[in-house]
Amino acid sequence: MQAHKVKTQRLLPLILLTAFPLSLFALTVNSFEAVSRWGRNLEADTVLAQADELTADLSLTKSVDDPTPLVGDTIVFTIEVGNSGPDDTTGVGVSDTLPSGYNYAGDNSSGTYSDTIGLWTIGEIAQGVSKTVNISAEVQATGIYSNYAQVATSLQLDPDSIPGNDSKREDDDDTVATSPRPISDLSITKDVDDATPFVGTQVVFTLRVDNGGPSNATGVFVEDQLPDGYTYVDDDGVGTYDPFSGEWDVGNITASSFAEHQITATVKASGDYTNIAQVTAANEFDPDSTPNNNVPSEDDQDSATTTPEAIADLSLTKNVDNPTPLVGEQVVFTVRVDNGGPSDATGVVVSDQLPSSYTYVSDDGEGDYVSGTGVWTVGDITADAFRELQLTATVKGDGDYTNVAQIIGLTETDPDLSNNKDSATIDLYVIHLPIVKKGRDFGEPNDQCQTAAYIAVNVDNRFRPEDQDDWYQFDLPSTGDLFVELSNFLPMEGQLTVYRGDSCATRQLLGINGNPAINKVLDLATQPVGHYYIYVSNDADPSLGPYTLRVNFKP
């Protein structure tokens, strides 16, 4: 066969290339492109006859195993390069640089693919043979997802395409694109500032929704309907919260960020105290939970529970029906325990031990009272209710007349102990009984000086008169100022008289006050040690009220 004349300067690269092994031809993409450009520039009159030139028709196809992956998934791009001949080809290289939407994860090329420069070095492809490589990549949350591959180099002529020309229209290149589905790994945590609050106090629930990404989350909604153990007070934080529906419109949460909201509520005396919150909606896919499915084990649902401490605000009041009884009369003490709530009170116990100045007669009321110990076992009192006890006692002639009652037992917590104790007392009046001998009434025992009744100094002496004349006596242990006062004295026309003397026969008048007044006073200035008498002339109907006699002495 006759050959055309060939220009040696154009053939030299070809001779050099064929003189070396193909392993030395594993050049970079630019080197292949240089050779390709050189081959394309050969002039028609400088090449061998068409019948002697080698031709290899290469074609490239590219595919992906998942065109709609989730962000974060690993997908596999498959590149297949086929040689339709008619000749074998050598020096084949394919360029495939992963775009920014993917991170290289591996390949099956046994080292012939370089992710650094994006070059798959194939080398020789025989006629009728195809070569394939699988490149794994992790889908990123953002970036370019269109992946382009092309035959970059080939030492044989391709009749219908030019290697490395970025044409995107020839059969030696191909593009495949994915449409990644965003992933937002949402998780919710919920806590309460006080896990053991008092009933009636306020607690604050904090909801936090974290977006673990890798994508931004949009259209996020959370349901947090307060159970019936709480009453809504207020809320604050990101987005808007509807206390009636319990829906928190969170909005958008960027990847690796979070949104928080606080809900303030008052703890009720009864009800459900477990507060559940869950993500009910989001536009993006969540890889490990399903919104609004009420599955507590998933990380998009959480709860906070309180164990409220019951509060029963108890108060005790005590009174007596007759604050000025006579010795020997009966009085009735009434003890009342109120429960101001908000919780029911259980195990209520009250101590009310009658002092020695009274003799127990009977009791009446709710619960159980033991007179020997003074313990009233009240039991339970519902919120806003009360229990009462009446104690009947006989007044004795001496002793402590102040009767104290106090709450000593309660299962719940009482927030205010200052009102758990109260007392009632009487002002005792002495009745001077008539002296009766052999059927004759000789009057009161103190209606004469010789039978004057002894009284204490610097205390109120209360008496109930039985006739018109009352005599009293007392002693001064030292010299000092003497002041005698008769109060609440009726009729006002009576008189107050004070004497000093060792006996009634030797007594001397110190002062007299007969002014028509309900209170009569004698200021006797300084008086010596000695014995003194007081004469009260009331000129009264015995049915009139009692009076008080007080001797004030200051040494």
Protein backbone atom coordinates (compact mmCIF):
# COMPACT_ATOMS: atom_id res chain seq x y z
CA MET A 1 0.00 0.00 0.00
CA GLN A 2 1.32 3.39 -0.90
CA ALA A 3 1.53 5.97 1.79
CA HIS A 4 1.35 9.73 1.60
CA LYS A 5 4.39 11.77 2.47
CA VAL A 6 4.44 12.58 6.17
CA LYS A 7 5.93 15.65 7.87
CA THR A 8 8.40 14.31 10.42
CA GLN A 9 7.86 17.17 12.99
CA ARG A 10 4.17 16.27 13.24
CA LEU A 11 4.87 12.47 13.48
CA LEU A 12 7.55 12.71 16.15
CA PRO A 13 5.10 12.82 19.16
CA LEU A 14 3.32 9.76 17.80
CA ILE A 15 6.57 7.88 17.37
CA LEU A 16 7.62 8.79 20.88
CA LEU A 17 4.30 7.70 22.34
CA THR A 18 4.41 4.31 20.59
CA ALA A 19 7.97 3.76 21.68
CA PHE A 20 7.17 3.73 25.39
CA PRO A 21 4.96 1.35 27.45
CA LEU A 22 1.41 2.41 28.14
CA SER A 23 2.15 2.55 31.87
CA LEU A 24 4.26 5.60 31.24
CA PHE A 25 1.30 7.20 29.55
CA ALA A 26 -0.70 7.65 32.74
CA LEU A 27 -0.50 11.38 32.36
CA THR A 28 -2.65 14.12 33.75
CA VAL A 29 -5.77 15.39 32.03
CA ASN A 30 -3.83 18.34 30.61
CA SER A 31 -1.27 16.04 29.07
CA PHE A 32 -3.99 14.02 27.39
CA GLU A 33 -5.67 17.16 26.20
CA ALA A 34 -2.36 18.31 24.67
CA VAL A 35 -1.99 15.09 22.76
CA SER A 36 -5.60 15.29 21.63
CA ARG A 37 -5.12 18.82 20.40
CA TRP A 38 -1.98 17.77 18.58
CA GLY A 39 -3.85 14.89 16.90
CA ARG A 40 -6.70 17.13 15.84
CA ASN A 41 -4.33 19.57 14.20
CA LEU A 42 -2.76 17.05 11.85
CA GLU A 43 -3.17 18.27 8.33
CA ALA A 44 -4.81 15.99 5.81
CA ASP A 45 -1.73 15.82 3.58
CA THR A 46 0.54 14.78 6.51
CA VAL A 47 -1.36 11.69 7.80
CA LEU A 48 -1.26 8.12 6.71
CA ALA A 49 -3.85 6.82 4.39
CA GLN A 50 -7.28 6.53 5.87
CA ALA A 51 -7.16 2.78 5.54
CA ASP A 52 -4.09 2.59 7.82
CA GLU A 53 -5.38 4.97 10.68
CA LEU A 54 -6.63 3.36 14.03
CA THR A 55 -10.13 4.35 15.16
CA ALA A 56 -11.91 3.67 18.49
CA ASP A 57 -15.44 4.97 19.03
CA LEU A 58 -15.68 5.57 22.80
CA SER A 59 -18.95 6.30 24.57
CA LEU A 60 -19.62 7.15 28.22
CA THR A 61 -22.76 6.70 30.29
CA LYS A 62 -23.24 7.78 33.87
CA SER A 63 -25.96 6.82 36.35
CA VAL A 64 -26.73 7.09 40.07
CA ASP A 65 -28.38 4.49 42.27
CA ASP A 66 -30.69 7.01 44.01
CA PRO A 67 -31.74 10.18 42.17
CA THR A 68 -33.64 11.51 45.22
CA PRO A 69 -31.44 10.67 48.19
CA LEU A 70 -31.70 12.07 51.65
CA VAL A 71 -29.13 14.59 52.68
CA GLY A 72 -26.42 12.65 54.46
CA ASP A 73 -27.02 9.46 52.49
CA THR A 74 -24.20 7.78 50.60
CA ILE A 75 -25.02 7.27 46.92
CA VAL A 76 -23.12 5.50 44.14
CA PHE A 77 -22.33 7.05 40.77
CA THR A 78 -21.62 4.46 38.06
CA ILE A 79 -19.51 5.43 35.02
CA GLU A 80 -19.31 3.04 32.09
CA VAL A 81 -16.98 3.62 29.14
CA GLY A 82 -17.47 1.38 26.10
CA ASN A 83 -15.34 0.95 22.95
CA SER A 84 -17.39 0.29 19.81
CA GLY A 85 -14.17 -0.05 17.78
CA PRO A 86 -13.31 -0.90 15.19
CA ASP A 87 -9.91 -0.81 16.92
CA ASP A 88 -8.63 -1.16 20.44
CA THR A 89 -7.78 2.06 22.20
CA THR A 90 -5.14 3.05 24.71
CA GLY A 91 -4.38 5.96 26.99
CA VAL A 92 -8.00 6.32 28.05
CA GLY A 93 -8.73 8.60 31.00
CA VAL A 94 -12.06 9.85 32.32
CA SER A 95 -12.51 13.06 34.28
CA ASP A 96 -15.18 13.12 37.02
CA THR A 97 -14.68 15.76 39.69
CA LEU A 98 -17.40 15.55 42.34
CA PRO A 99 -19.25 18.87 42.67
CA SER A 100 -19.72 20.67 46.01
CA GLY A 101 -22.97 18.86 46.80
CA TYR A 102 -21.07 15.64 47.47
CA ASN A 103 -18.19 14.41 49.58
CA TYR A 104 -16.08 11.57 48.20
CA ALA A 105 -16.67 8.36 50.16
CA GLY A 106 -14.84 5.69 48.14
CA ASP A 107 -14.69 3.78 44.85
CA ASN A 108 -14.04 0.31 43.46
CA SER A 109 -11.35 1.29 40.96
CA SER A 110 -8.50 -0.35 42.91
CA GLY A 111 -6.64 2.92 42.95
CA THR A 112 -7.12 4.01 39.35
CA TYR A 113 -9.50 6.81 40.36
CA SER A 114 -8.08 9.90 42.04
CA ASP A 115 -10.65 11.93 43.93
CA THR A 116 -8.08 14.68 44.36
CA ILE A 117 -7.95 15.58 40.64
CA GLY A 118 -11.13 13.75 39.65
CA LEU A 119 -9.41 11.45 37.10
CA TRP A 120 -10.12 7.80 36.39
CA THR A 121 -7.11 6.35 34.58
CA ILE A 122 -8.39 3.40 32.51
CA GLY A 123 -5.57 2.85 30.04
CA GLU A 124 -6.47 0.25 27.34
CA ILE A 125 -9.99 -0.68 26.26
CA ALA A 126 -10.27 -3.42 23.67
CA GLN A 127 -12.81 -3.19 20.88
CA GLY A 128 -16.24 -4.33 22.10
CA VAL A 129 -15.26 -4.04 25.79
CA SER A 130 -16.64 -1.70 28.48
CA LYS A 131 -14.98 -0.51 31.67
CA THR A 132 -16.97 0.50 34.76
CA VAL A 133 -16.21 2.33 37.98
CA ASN A 134 -18.45 2.98 40.99
CA ILE A 135 -17.79 6.16 42.95
CA SER A 136 -19.48 6.56 46.35
CA ALA A 137 -20.33 10.02 47.66
CA GLU A 138 -22.08 11.47 50.69
CA VAL A 139 -24.86 13.92 49.87
CA GLN A 140 -24.32 17.31 51.44
CA ALA A 141 -27.01 19.67 52.71
CA THR A 142 -26.13 22.33 50.15
CA GLY A 143 -24.10 22.61 46.97
CA ILE A 144 -24.16 21.64 43.30
CA TYR A 145 -25.75 18.26 42.64
CA SER A 146 -25.17 17.97 38.86
CA ASN A 147 -22.25 15.56 38.32
CA TYR A 148 -20.52 15.65 34.88
CA ALA A 149 -18.10 13.05 33.51
CA GLN A 150 -16.30 12.87 30.16
CA VAL A 151 -13.61 10.92 28.33
CA ALA A 152 -10.63 13.19 28.84
CA THR A 153 -7.96 11.30 26.90
CA SER A 154 -7.65 8.58 24.23
CA LEU A 155 -4.70 7.85 21.91
CA GLN A 156 -6.94 6.60 19.10
CA LEU A 157 -9.18 8.69 16.95
CA ASP A 158 -12.84 8.87 18.02
CA PRO A 159 -14.92 9.36 14.87
CA ASP A 160 -17.82 11.21 16.58
CA SER A 161 -16.40 12.95 19.64
CA ILE A 162 -13.33 14.76 20.85
CA PRO A 163 -11.98 13.79 24.30
CA GLY A 164 -11.69 16.52 26.92
CA ASN A 165 -13.62 19.20 25.04
CA ASP A 166 -16.39 19.65 27.70
CA SER A 167 -19.00 19.54 25.00
CA LYS A 168 -21.82 18.01 27.08
CA ARG A 169 -23.38 16.96 23.72
CA GLU A 170 -21.17 14.14 22.54
CA ASP A 171 -21.48 10.47 23.40
CA ASP A 172 -18.21 10.43 25.36
CA ASP A 173 -19.64 12.56 28.19
CA ASP A 174 -22.69 12.37 30.42
CA THR A 175 -24.29 14.21 33.31
CA VAL A 176 -26.41 12.90 36.13
CA ALA A 177 -28.07 15.04 38.80
CA THR A 178 -29.82 14.23 42.07
CA SER A 179 -32.54 16.05 43.90
CA PRO A 180 -31.59 15.53 47.54
CA ARG A 181 -34.32 15.49 50.12
CA PRO A 182 -33.33 17.63 53.16
CA ILE A 183 -32.97 15.99 56.56
CA SER A 184 -33.55 17.77 59.82
CA ASP A 185 -32.96 15.58 62.83
CA LEU A 186 -35.20 17.30 65.34
CA SER A 187 -35.14 16.41 69.01
CA ILE A 188 -37.03 17.94 71.90
CA THR A 189 -36.15 18.20 75.57
CA LYS A 190 -38.46 19.41 78.29
CA ASP A 191 -37.78 20.20 81.92
CA VAL A 192 -39.39 22.00 84.84
CA ASP A 193 -37.71 24.37 87.29
CA ASP A 194 -39.25 22.69 90.37
CA ALA A 195 -40.07 18.98 90.32
CA THR A 196 -41.65 19.04 93.80
CA PRO A 197 -43.58 22.31 93.95
CA PHE A 198 -46.14 23.31 96.51
CA VAL A 199 -49.72 23.21 95.34
CA GLY A 200 -50.77 26.73 94.41
CA THR A 201 -47.28 27.86 93.43
CA GLN A 202 -46.00 28.49 89.91
CA VAL A 203 -43.64 26.32 87.89
CA VAL A 204 -41.86 27.05 84.60
CA PHE A 205 -41.65 24.41 81.88
CA THR A 206 -38.81 24.91 79.37
CA LEU A 207 -39.13 23.37 75.90
CA ARG A 208 -36.09 23.13 73.66
CA VAL A 209 -36.10 21.87 70.08
CA ASP A 210 -32.67 21.07 68.65
CA ASN A 211 -31.98 20.64 64.94
CA GLY A 212 -29.15 18.18 64.49
CA GLY A 213 -29.22 18.88 60.77
CA PRO A 214 -27.74 18.47 58.38
CA SER A 215 -30.44 20.60 56.75
CA ASN A 216 -32.25 23.63 58.06
CA ALA A 217 -35.69 22.86 59.48
CA THR A 218 -38.74 24.79 58.34
CA GLY A 219 -42.37 24.81 59.35
CA VAL A 220 -41.70 23.33 62.78
CA PHE A 221 -44.67 22.94 65.13
CA VAL A 222 -44.75 21.50 68.66
CA GLU A 223 -47.73 20.45 70.74
CA ASP A 224 -47.58 21.08 74.48
CA GLN A 225 -51.06 21.00 75.95
CA LEU A 226 -50.93 21.62 79.70
CA PRO A 227 -52.68 18.77 81.55
CA ASP A 228 -55.46 19.47 84.03
CA GLY A 229 -53.05 19.55 86.96
CA TYR A 230 -51.91 23.03 85.90
CA THR A 231 -53.41 26.40 85.08
CA TYR A 232 -51.72 28.45 82.34
CA VAL A 233 -50.20 31.74 83.50
CA ASP A 234 -47.80 33.02 80.84
CA ASP A 235 -45.26 32.03 78.19
CA ASP A 236 -42.15 33.50 76.63
CA GLY A 237 -39.63 32.50 73.98
CA VAL A 238 -39.14 31.83 70.28
CA GLY A 239 -42.26 31.68 68.14
CA THR A 240 -45.83 31.86 69.39
CA TYR A 241 -47.69 29.60 71.81
CA ASP A 242 -51.46 29.14 71.95
CA PRO A 243 -52.45 28.09 75.51
CA PHE A 244 -55.88 26.93 74.36
CA SER A 245 -54.71 24.48 71.69
CA GLY A 246 -51.27 23.91 73.18
CA GLU A 247 -49.63 24.53 69.80
CA TRP A 248 -46.21 26.15 69.66
CA ASP A 249 -45.46 27.62 66.23
CA VAL A 250 -41.66 27.36 66.27
CA GLY A 251 -41.02 28.41 62.68
CA ASN A 252 -37.56 27.69 61.24
CA ILE A 253 -34.47 26.29 62.97
CA THR A 254 -31.14 26.36 61.21
CA ALA A 255 -28.95 23.26 61.33
CA SER A 256 -27.00 22.80 64.60
CA SER A 257 -29.21 25.39 66.30
CA PHE A 258 -32.19 25.29 68.64
CA ALA A 259 -35.34 27.12 69.69
CA GLU A 260 -36.63 27.52 73.26
CA HIS A 261 -39.91 28.47 74.89
CA GLN A 262 -40.95 28.79 78.54
CA ILE A 263 -44.47 28.14 79.82
CA THR A 264 -45.43 29.30 83.32
CA ALA A 265 -48.28 27.48 85.08
CA THR A 266 -49.88 27.29 88.52
CA VAL A 267 -49.94 23.89 90.20
CA LYS A 268 -53.46 22.78 91.06
CA ALA A 269 -54.45 20.67 94.04
CA SER A 270 -55.32 17.66 91.87
CA GLY A 271 -55.04 16.46 88.30
CA ASP A 272 -52.53 15.06 85.84
CA TYR A 273 -49.03 16.42 86.44
CA THR A 274 -47.20 14.84 83.48
CA ASN A 275 -46.69 17.46 80.77
CA ILE A 276 -45.91 15.99 77.33
CA ALA A 277 -44.48 17.86 74.37
CA GLN A 278 -43.81 16.52 70.88
CA VAL A 279 -42.91 17.79 67.43
CA THR A 280 -46.07 17.59 65.37
CA ALA A 281 -44.90 18.94 62.01
CA ALA A 282 -41.83 19.87 59.99
CA ASN A 283 -41.27 20.22 56.26
CA GLU A 284 -38.06 18.18 56.26
CA PHE A 285 -37.53 14.46 56.82
CA ASP A 286 -36.50 13.36 60.30
CA PRO A 287 -34.28 10.25 60.10
CA ASP A 288 -35.10 8.81 63.53
CA SER A 289 -38.57 9.98 64.46
CA THR A 290 -41.98 10.64 62.99
CA PRO A 291 -43.77 13.86 63.96
CA ASN A 292 -47.10 13.64 65.76
CA ASN A 293 -47.08 9.88 66.29
CA ASN A 294 -47.14 9.95 70.11
CA VAL A 295 -44.22 7.55 70.56
CA PRO A 296 -42.45 8.44 73.82
CA SER A 297 -39.28 6.55 72.86
CA GLU A 298 -38.57 8.85 69.91
CA ASP A 299 -36.35 11.87 70.45
CA ASP A 300 -38.94 14.33 69.12
CA GLN A 301 -41.11 13.75 72.19
CA ASP A 302 -40.37 14.41 75.85
CA SER A 303 -42.21 15.00 79.10
CA ALA A 304 -41.72 16.60 82.49
CA THR A 305 -43.53 15.47 85.61
CA THR A 306 -43.93 17.19 88.95
CA THR A 307 -44.84 15.64 92.26
CA PRO A 308 -46.68 18.49 93.96
CA GLU A 309 -46.55 18.82 97.71
CA ALA A 310 -50.03 19.38 99.03
CA ILE A 311 -50.66 22.63 100.90
CA ALA A 312 -53.42 23.02 103.43
CA ASP A 313 -53.51 26.45 105.03
CA LEU A 314 -55.08 25.66 108.40
CA SER A 315 -56.12 28.28 110.91
CA LEU A 316 -57.45 27.84 114.43
CA THR A 317 -59.75 30.11 116.40
CA LYS A 318 -60.98 29.70 119.96
CA ASN A 319 -63.57 31.55 122.03
CA VAL A 320 -65.59 31.18 125.22
CA ASP A 321 -69.32 31.78 125.58
CA ASN A 322 -69.02 33.70 128.88
CA PRO A 323 -65.83 35.70 129.46
CA THR A 324 -66.90 36.82 132.97
CA PRO A 325 -68.27 33.77 134.74
CA LEU A 326 -68.62 33.16 138.46
CA VAL A 327 -66.72 30.48 140.27
CA GLY A 328 -68.63 27.23 139.92
CA GLU A 329 -70.36 28.23 136.71
CA GLN A 330 -69.91 26.33 133.47
CA VAL A 331 -68.38 27.83 130.38
CA VAL A 332 -68.23 26.45 126.82
CA PHE A 333 -65.03 26.80 124.78
CA THR A 334 -65.45 26.51 121.02
CA VAL A 335 -62.45 25.48 118.92
CA ARG A 336 -62.70 25.87 115.15
CA VAL A 337 -60.17 24.70 112.52
CA ASP A 338 -60.55 26.12 109.01
CA ASN A 339 -58.81 24.74 105.93
CA GLY A 340 -58.05 27.54 103.47
CA GLY A 341 -56.72 24.99 100.98
CA PRO A 342 -55.86 24.69 98.25
CA SER A 343 -55.44 21.01 99.16
CA ASP A 344 -57.54 18.84 101.41
CA ALA A 345 -56.08 18.43 104.88
CA THR A 346 -55.54 14.98 106.33
CA GLY A 347 -54.37 13.75 109.70
CA VAL A 348 -55.33 16.95 111.53
CA VAL A 349 -54.71 16.85 115.29
CA VAL A 350 -55.30 19.65 117.83
CA SER A 351 -54.07 19.96 121.40
CA ASP A 352 -56.49 21.61 123.84
CA GLN A 353 -55.64 20.67 127.40
CA LEU A 354 -57.90 22.40 129.94
CA PRO A 355 -55.80 24.23 132.54
CA SER A 356 -56.12 23.44 136.25
CA SER A 357 -58.62 26.23 136.80
CA TYR A 358 -61.32 24.25 134.97
CA THR A 359 -62.97 20.90 135.50
CA TYR A 360 -63.87 18.99 132.35
CA VAL A 361 -67.60 18.32 131.99
CA SER A 362 -68.23 17.19 128.39
CA ASP A 363 -67.36 17.73 124.73
CA ASP A 364 -69.28 17.78 121.49
CA GLY A 365 -68.19 18.04 117.89
CA GLU A 366 -66.52 16.25 115.01
CA GLY A 367 -63.63 13.91 115.54
CA ASP A 368 -62.51 12.44 118.85
CA TYR A 369 -61.47 14.38 121.98
CA VAL A 370 -59.68 12.79 124.94
CA SER A 371 -60.06 14.92 128.07
CA GLY A 372 -57.18 13.26 129.87
CA THR A 373 -54.61 14.23 127.22
CA GLY A 374 -56.42 17.18 125.69
CA VAL A 375 -55.87 15.73 122.19
CA TRP A 376 -58.60 16.34 119.63
CA THR A 377 -58.18 14.02 116.63
CA VAL A 378 -59.92 16.06 113.95
CA GLY A 379 -59.18 13.80 110.96
CA ASP A 380 -59.62 15.16 107.43
CA ILE A 381 -60.85 18.59 106.39
CA THR A 382 -61.57 19.28 102.74
CA ALA A 383 -60.41 22.55 101.22
CA ASP A 384 -62.55 25.56 102.18
CA ALA A 385 -64.27 23.59 104.98
CA PHE A 386 -63.94 23.59 108.79
CA ARG A 387 -64.37 21.44 111.90
CA GLU A 388 -65.57 22.53 115.36
CA LEU A 389 -65.36 21.23 118.92
CA GLN A 390 -67.20 22.47 122.02
CA LEU A 391 -65.67 21.85 125.44
CA THR A 392 -67.82 22.38 128.52
CA ALA A 393 -65.97 23.01 131.77
CA THR A 394 -66.70 24.21 135.31
CA VAL A 395 -64.82 27.26 136.56
CA LYS A 396 -62.77 26.61 139.69
CA GLY A 397 -61.80 29.20 142.29
CA ASP A 398 -58.14 29.58 141.41
CA GLY A 399 -55.52 28.75 138.79
CA ASP A 400 -54.70 29.72 135.22
CA TYR A 401 -57.82 30.67 133.30
CA THR A 402 -56.21 30.99 129.86
CA ASN A 403 -57.15 27.99 127.71
CA VAL A 404 -54.81 27.43 124.73
CA ALA A 405 -55.52 25.31 121.64
CA GLN A 406 -52.96 24.53 118.93
CA ILE A 407 -52.75 22.42 115.77
CA ILE A 408 -50.09 19.76 116.37
CA GLY A 409 -50.66 17.33 113.50
CA LEU A 410 -51.09 17.64 109.71
CA THR A 411 -50.01 15.39 106.84
CA GLU A 412 -49.81 18.23 104.32
CA THR A 413 -47.68 21.35 104.49
CA ASP A 414 -49.14 24.43 106.12
CA PRO A 415 -47.61 27.55 104.53
CA ASP A 416 -48.54 29.81 107.45
CA LEU A 417 -48.11 28.54 111.01
CA SER A 418 -48.80 31.89 112.65
CA ASN A 419 -52.55 31.25 112.74
CA ASN A 420 -52.41 27.69 114.09
CA LYS A 421 -52.73 28.67 117.74
CA ASP A 422 -55.29 30.62 119.72
CA SER A 423 -56.50 31.03 123.28
CA ALA A 424 -59.53 32.11 125.27
CA THR A 425 -59.58 33.40 128.82
CA ILE A 426 -62.09 34.58 131.39
CA ASP A 427 -62.18 37.39 133.90
CA LEU A 428 -63.24 35.65 137.09
CA TYR A 429 -65.53 37.43 139.52
CA VAL A 430 -65.81 36.42 143.19
CA ILE A 431 -69.28 36.12 144.61
CA HIS A 432 -69.55 36.79 148.32
CA LEU A 433 -72.06 34.28 149.58
CA PRO A 434 -74.36 35.20 152.49
CA ILE A 435 -73.58 33.85 155.91
CA VAL A 436 -76.51 31.76 157.05
CA LYS A 437 -76.77 30.53 160.64
CA LYS A 438 -79.81 28.86 162.12
CA GLY A 439 -82.02 30.14 159.34
CA ARG A 440 -80.87 33.71 159.69
CA ASP A 441 -79.10 35.63 156.86
CA PHE A 442 -76.14 37.48 158.28
CA GLY A 443 -75.19 38.96 154.88
CA GLU A 444 -71.94 38.59 152.90
CA PRO A 445 -68.84 37.50 154.74
CA ASN A 446 -67.11 40.84 153.95
CA ASP A 447 -69.93 43.24 154.69
CA GLN A 448 -68.17 44.35 157.91
CA CYS A 449 -64.62 45.54 158.62
CA GLN A 450 -63.96 42.60 160.93
CA THR A 451 -64.66 40.14 158.07
CA ALA A 452 -62.86 42.08 155.33
CA ALA A 453 -61.64 39.92 152.43
CA TYR A 454 -57.92 39.89 151.63
CA ILE A 455 -56.98 41.10 148.16
CA ALA A 456 -53.74 41.05 146.19
CA VAL A 457 -51.74 44.17 145.34
CA ASN A 458 -50.98 45.24 141.76
CA VAL A 459 -53.60 42.92 140.25
CA ASP A 460 -57.20 43.38 139.15
CA ASN A 461 -59.59 42.05 141.80
CA ARG A 462 -63.01 41.51 140.27
CA PHE A 463 -66.05 41.11 142.45
CA ARG A 464 -69.76 40.63 142.08
CA PRO A 465 -71.62 42.33 144.94
CA GLU A 466 -74.42 40.66 146.86
CA ASP A 467 -75.33 43.57 149.13
CA GLN A 468 -74.53 47.25 149.73
CA ASP A 469 -71.25 47.04 151.73
CA ASP A 470 -67.93 45.35 150.88
CA TRP A 471 -64.79 45.45 153.03
CA TYR A 472 -61.28 44.47 151.89
CA GLN A 473 -57.84 44.48 153.49
CA PHE A 474 -54.22 44.27 152.30
CA ASP A 475 -50.67 44.80 153.57
CA LEU A 476 -47.82 46.98 152.29
CA PRO A 477 -44.41 45.28 152.76
CA SER A 478 -42.46 48.53 152.42
CA THR A 479 -42.87 52.27 152.05
CA GLY A 480 -44.06 53.36 148.65
CA ASP A 481 -46.62 55.18 146.53
CA LEU A 482 -50.21 53.95 146.94
CA PHE A 483 -52.91 54.34 144.32
CA VAL A 484 -56.37 52.73 144.69
CA GLU A 485 -58.80 52.50 141.79
CA LEU A 486 -62.43 51.36 141.68
CA SER A 487 -63.67 50.86 138.11
CA ASN A 488 -66.83 49.77 136.33
CA PHE A 489 -68.70 50.75 139.47
CA LEU A 490 -72.46 51.12 139.40
CA PRO A 491 -74.34 52.95 140.71
CA MET A 492 -72.10 55.95 140.36
CA GLU A 493 -73.37 57.35 143.69
CA GLY A 494 -71.36 54.87 145.74
CA GLN A 495 -68.07 55.72 147.45
CA LEU A 496 -64.52 54.43 147.85
CA THR A 497 -62.82 54.81 151.25
CA VAL A 498 -59.29 53.76 152.35
CA TYR A 499 -58.01 53.36 155.95
CA ARG A 500 -54.72 52.45 157.59
CA GLY A 501 -54.53 50.65 160.93
CA ASP A 502 -53.57 47.45 162.65
CA SER A 503 -57.23 46.70 163.41
CA CYS A 504 -60.66 47.93 162.58
CA ALA A 505 -60.80 49.70 165.94
CA THR A 506 -57.56 51.64 165.34
CA ARG A 507 -57.99 52.38 161.63
CA GLN A 508 -57.48 55.94 160.41
CA LEU A 509 -59.04 57.51 157.39
CA LEU A 510 -56.62 58.14 154.49
CA GLY A 511 -59.00 59.19 151.77
CA ILE A 512 -62.52 59.04 150.40
CA ASN A 513 -63.94 59.41 146.90
CA GLY A 514 -67.69 59.77 146.62
CA ASN A 515 -67.80 61.44 143.23
CA PRO A 516 -70.68 60.23 141.05
CA ALA A 517 -68.49 58.48 138.45
CA ILE A 518 -68.17 54.96 137.15
CA ASN A 519 -64.42 55.04 137.96
CA LYS A 520 -63.28 56.32 141.35
CA VAL A 521 -59.59 56.92 142.14
CA LEU A 522 -57.65 57.69 145.33
CA ASP A 523 -54.04 58.81 144.94
CA LEU A 524 -52.67 58.40 148.46
CA ALA A 525 -49.06 59.38 147.69
CA THR A 526 -46.35 57.79 149.83
CA GLN A 527 -47.49 55.42 152.54
CA PRO A 528 -45.55 53.43 155.13
CA VAL A 529 -45.41 49.73 155.85
CA GLY A 530 -48.63 48.65 157.43
CA HIS A 531 -52.09 47.19 157.26
CA TYR A 532 -54.83 48.85 155.19
CA TYR A 533 -58.60 48.61 154.76
CA ILE A 534 -60.84 49.49 151.84
CA TYR A 535 -64.53 50.12 152.17
CA VAL A 536 -66.78 50.04 149.08
CA SER A 537 -70.29 51.28 149.61
CA ASN A 538 -72.33 50.63 146.54
CA ASP A 539 -75.89 51.37 147.63
CA ALA A 540 -76.84 49.10 144.76
CA ASP A 541 -79.38 46.57 143.72
CA PRO A 542 -77.51 43.24 144.01
CA SER A 543 -78.50 42.45 140.44
CA LEU A 544 -76.19 45.14 139.11
CA GLY A 545 -72.96 44.20 137.35
CA PRO A 546 -69.54 43.42 138.85
CA TYR A 547 -66.77 45.88 139.55
CA THR A 548 -62.97 45.84 139.62
CA LEU A 549 -60.83 46.94 142.56
CA ARG A 550 -57.11 47.47 142.05
CA VAL A 551 -54.42 48.52 144.54
CA ASN A 552 -51.33 49.87 142.76
CA PHE A 553 -48.21 50.00 144.92
CA LYS A 554 -44.75 51.16 143.85
CA PRO A 555 -41.96 50.83 146.46
